[in-house]
Structures are given as structure tokens and as C-alpha cells.
Amino acid sequence: MKESRRRQVRTGFTMVELMAVLIILGLLAGVVVKNFVGQTEKAKVTTTKASLRQLASAVNQFYMDTNRYPTEDEGLYALVEQPSDVTNWQPGGYLDTTDVPPDGWNNEFIYELYPESGKPFVIKSLGADGQEGGEGYNADLLSTDR
């Protein structure tokens, strides 16, 4: 007489298989998040640099029209609001907007007249941390940097 063996049919996953899948998904999610955050910060730096170039160009145009740079008290607002002592001001202002744009981190730019660099002016963004100095995304961005 032959012995018949019954096969047991296994359904579902073992705990080890489930843990392996969860670990793999966690690693993939970490890589995706790291790459996304890096690209977002990189885009903020690129946007800020473009704004610095636009503002520096507008300040230079202001100088060409008025024969003076905006004072530190007037700041970059002299590009969108006509100072009272200026007569040759460009109608509509020197920017395409009615307000001075913020940097990539939504902070105001800093305008300094005759900085230590010897240039006539500098426009600064204090980077991601909003404080002087720093490295990486926290580094200051200047209109005098090319």
C-alpha cells in the first residue's frame, strides 16, 4: 500500500519577508526624499542668484538715469517708489513688479552702499539660515559674486 502524502499549501508571507520588503521601501523613500530636498534648496539658490542679477541691473539703471545710487535709507525700494529728490526717475520703476522681490527663502535682500569690496554697492541674501556667514545653503549670496 502506498503512503499518500498530503501537501500543505502555504498562503501569505512570513514575517522575515515582510520585514525585508519594509526595509527596502524605507531605503528607497530615504533616497527619494534626500534628492527632492536637495533639489528644492538648489532651486532657491538659483532663484536668489537670478534676483540678485536683476536687482543689481536695476540699481545700475537707476544710477544711469539719476546720476546717483539709492541711499541705504531708500534701499531697494527706490527702484519701485520714486524718491522725492529724484526727477529723472523711470516711469513705472526699475522692476517689473510693484514690490521688491524676496530671496529664495522669503527674506528681504540687504542693500549696502560702498561696501568694503570697493564696489559702489552690494546686494546680499543671507542664505537659508538668514544669518551672516555660513556654508552650503546657509552661505551668503552677493550681487558682486559672479
Protein backbone atom coordinates (compact mmCIF):
# COMPACT_ATOMS: atom_id res chain seq x y z
CA MET A 1 0.00 0.00 0.00
CA LYS A 2 1.34 3.37 -0.96
CA GLU A 3 1.51 6.09 1.54
CA SER A 4 -0.10 9.23 0.32
CA ARG A 5 1.38 12.38 1.49
CA ARG A 6 -0.60 15.44 1.73
CA ARG A 7 0.90 18.66 0.68
CA GLN A 8 0.21 21.64 2.77
CA VAL A 9 -0.44 24.77 0.76
CA ARG A 10 1.16 27.82 2.25
CA THR A 11 -0.55 31.18 1.81
CA GLY A 12 0.65 34.67 2.85
CA PHE A 13 4.11 35.95 3.68
CA THR A 14 6.44 35.17 6.53
CA MET A 15 7.49 37.85 8.98
CA VAL A 16 11.03 37.85 7.52
CA GLU A 17 9.71 38.51 4.01
CA LEU A 18 7.53 41.37 5.25
CA MET A 19 10.45 42.93 7.14
CA ALA A 20 12.70 42.70 4.07
CA VAL A 21 10.10 44.49 1.93
CA LEU A 22 9.62 47.22 4.58
CA ILE A 23 13.37 47.80 4.85
CA ILE A 24 13.74 48.09 1.07
CA LEU A 25 10.80 50.55 0.87
CA GLY A 26 12.29 52.62 3.70
CA LEU A 27 15.66 52.85 1.95
CA LEU A 28 14.04 53.88 -1.34
CA ALA A 29 11.92 56.53 0.41
CA GLY A 30 15.03 57.94 2.09
CA VAL A 31 16.84 58.30 -1.22
CA VAL A 32 13.85 59.97 -2.88
CA VAL A 33 13.35 62.45 -0.01
CA LYS A 34 17.06 63.31 0.12
CA ASN A 35 17.16 64.02 -3.62
CA PHE A 36 13.95 66.07 -3.52
CA VAL A 37 15.09 68.25 -0.59
CA GLY A 38 18.45 68.87 -2.27
CA GLN A 39 16.77 69.98 -5.49
CA THR A 40 14.43 72.34 -3.65
CA GLU A 41 17.31 74.10 -1.89
CA LYS A 42 19.29 74.21 -5.14
CA ALA A 43 16.33 75.89 -6.87
CA LYS A 44 16.14 78.50 -4.09
CA VAL A 45 19.83 79.36 -4.62
CA THR A 46 19.32 79.62 -8.38
CA THR A 47 16.26 81.86 -7.92
CA THR A 48 18.12 84.08 -5.47
CA LYS A 49 21.10 84.47 -7.81
CA ALA A 50 18.78 85.45 -10.67
CA SER A 51 17.05 88.02 -8.44
CA LEU A 52 20.43 89.44 -7.38
CA ARG A 53 21.41 89.93 -11.03
CA GLN A 54 18.07 91.59 -11.80
CA LEU A 55 18.29 93.92 -8.78
CA ALA A 56 21.92 94.87 -9.49
CA SER A 57 21.00 95.69 -13.08
CA ALA A 58 18.07 97.81 -11.88
CA VAL A 59 20.33 99.70 -9.42
CA ASN A 60 22.80 100.40 -12.24
CA GLN A 61 19.96 101.65 -14.46
CA PHE A 62 18.78 103.88 -11.58
CA TYR A 63 22.31 105.31 -11.40
CA MET A 64 22.44 105.95 -15.15
CA ASP A 65 19.12 107.84 -15.02
CA THR A 66 19.64 109.80 -11.79
CA ASN A 67 23.43 110.09 -11.52
CA ARG A 68 23.36 108.62 -8.02
CA TYR A 69 22.82 105.28 -6.34
CA PRO A 70 19.89 104.75 -3.98
CA THR A 71 20.84 105.68 -0.42
CA GLU A 72 20.93 102.96 2.21
CA ASP A 73 17.84 104.56 3.80
CA GLU A 74 15.96 104.34 0.50
CA GLY A 75 17.32 100.88 -0.15
CA LEU A 76 15.96 98.82 -3.00
CA TYR A 77 12.54 100.47 -2.59
CA ALA A 78 13.93 103.39 -4.62
CA LEU A 79 13.58 101.03 -7.58
CA VAL A 80 9.79 100.80 -7.21
CA GLU A 81 8.89 104.09 -5.46
CA GLN A 82 10.26 107.38 -6.74
CA PRO A 83 12.41 109.18 -4.15
CA SER A 84 11.26 112.77 -3.55
CA ASP A 85 14.56 114.36 -4.67
CA VAL A 86 14.82 112.43 -7.96
CA THR A 87 13.49 113.95 -11.19
CA ASN A 88 14.84 111.63 -13.91
CA TRP A 89 13.19 108.52 -12.45
CA GLN A 90 11.98 105.92 -14.94
CA PRO A 91 8.16 105.95 -15.11
CA GLY A 92 6.83 102.70 -13.65
CA GLY A 93 10.03 102.00 -11.75
CA TYR A 94 13.03 99.83 -12.47
CA LEU A 95 11.48 96.44 -11.72
CA ASP A 96 8.74 94.51 -13.48
CA THR A 97 6.92 94.21 -10.15
CA THR A 98 5.43 96.80 -7.84
CA ASP A 99 7.42 95.49 -4.88
CA VAL A 100 10.99 94.35 -4.25
CA PRO A 101 11.08 90.55 -4.54
CA PRO A 102 12.32 88.48 -1.58
CA ASP A 103 15.16 85.96 -1.85
CA GLY A 104 14.53 82.25 -2.33
CA TRP A 105 13.91 81.78 1.39
CA ASN A 106 11.39 84.64 1.51
CA ASN A 107 13.76 87.04 3.31
CA GLU A 108 14.43 90.64 2.28
CA PHE A 109 17.61 91.44 0.39
CA ILE A 110 20.12 93.73 2.11
CA TYR A 111 21.41 96.76 0.19
CA GLU A 112 24.73 98.36 1.19
CA LEU A 113 26.27 101.41 -0.42
CA TYR A 114 30.09 101.45 -0.82
CA PRO A 115 30.91 98.17 0.93
CA GLU A 116 34.44 97.02 1.84
CA SER A 117 34.79 95.26 -1.53
CA GLY A 118 35.38 98.63 -3.19
CA LYS A 119 32.32 98.24 -5.42
CA PRO A 120 29.77 101.07 -5.44
CA PHE A 121 27.09 98.83 -3.86
CA VAL A 122 26.30 95.26 -2.89
CA ILE A 123 23.01 93.44 -2.55
CA LYS A 124 23.02 90.45 -0.18
CA SER A 125 20.94 87.43 0.65
CA LEU A 126 21.85 85.81 3.96
CA GLY A 127 21.06 82.32 2.66
CA ALA A 128 18.81 79.64 4.13
CA ASP A 129 19.58 80.43 7.78
CA GLY A 130 19.02 84.19 7.42
CA GLN A 131 22.26 84.95 9.30
CA GLU A 132 25.66 86.36 8.28
CA GLY A 133 28.19 83.80 7.08
CA GLY A 134 27.50 80.11 6.81
CA GLU A 135 28.34 77.30 4.44
CA GLY A 136 26.43 75.41 1.81
CA TYR A 137 22.84 76.60 1.54
CA ASN A 138 23.39 78.87 4.57
CA ALA A 139 26.14 80.83 2.79
CA ASP A 140 25.57 84.50 1.96
CA LEU A 141 24.93 85.28 -1.71
CA LEU A 142 26.16 88.64 -3.03
CA SER A 143 25.42 90.62 -6.15
CA THR A 144 29.17 91.16 -6.56
CA ASP A 145 29.80 87.39 -6.88
CA ARG A 146 29.83 86.14 -10.43
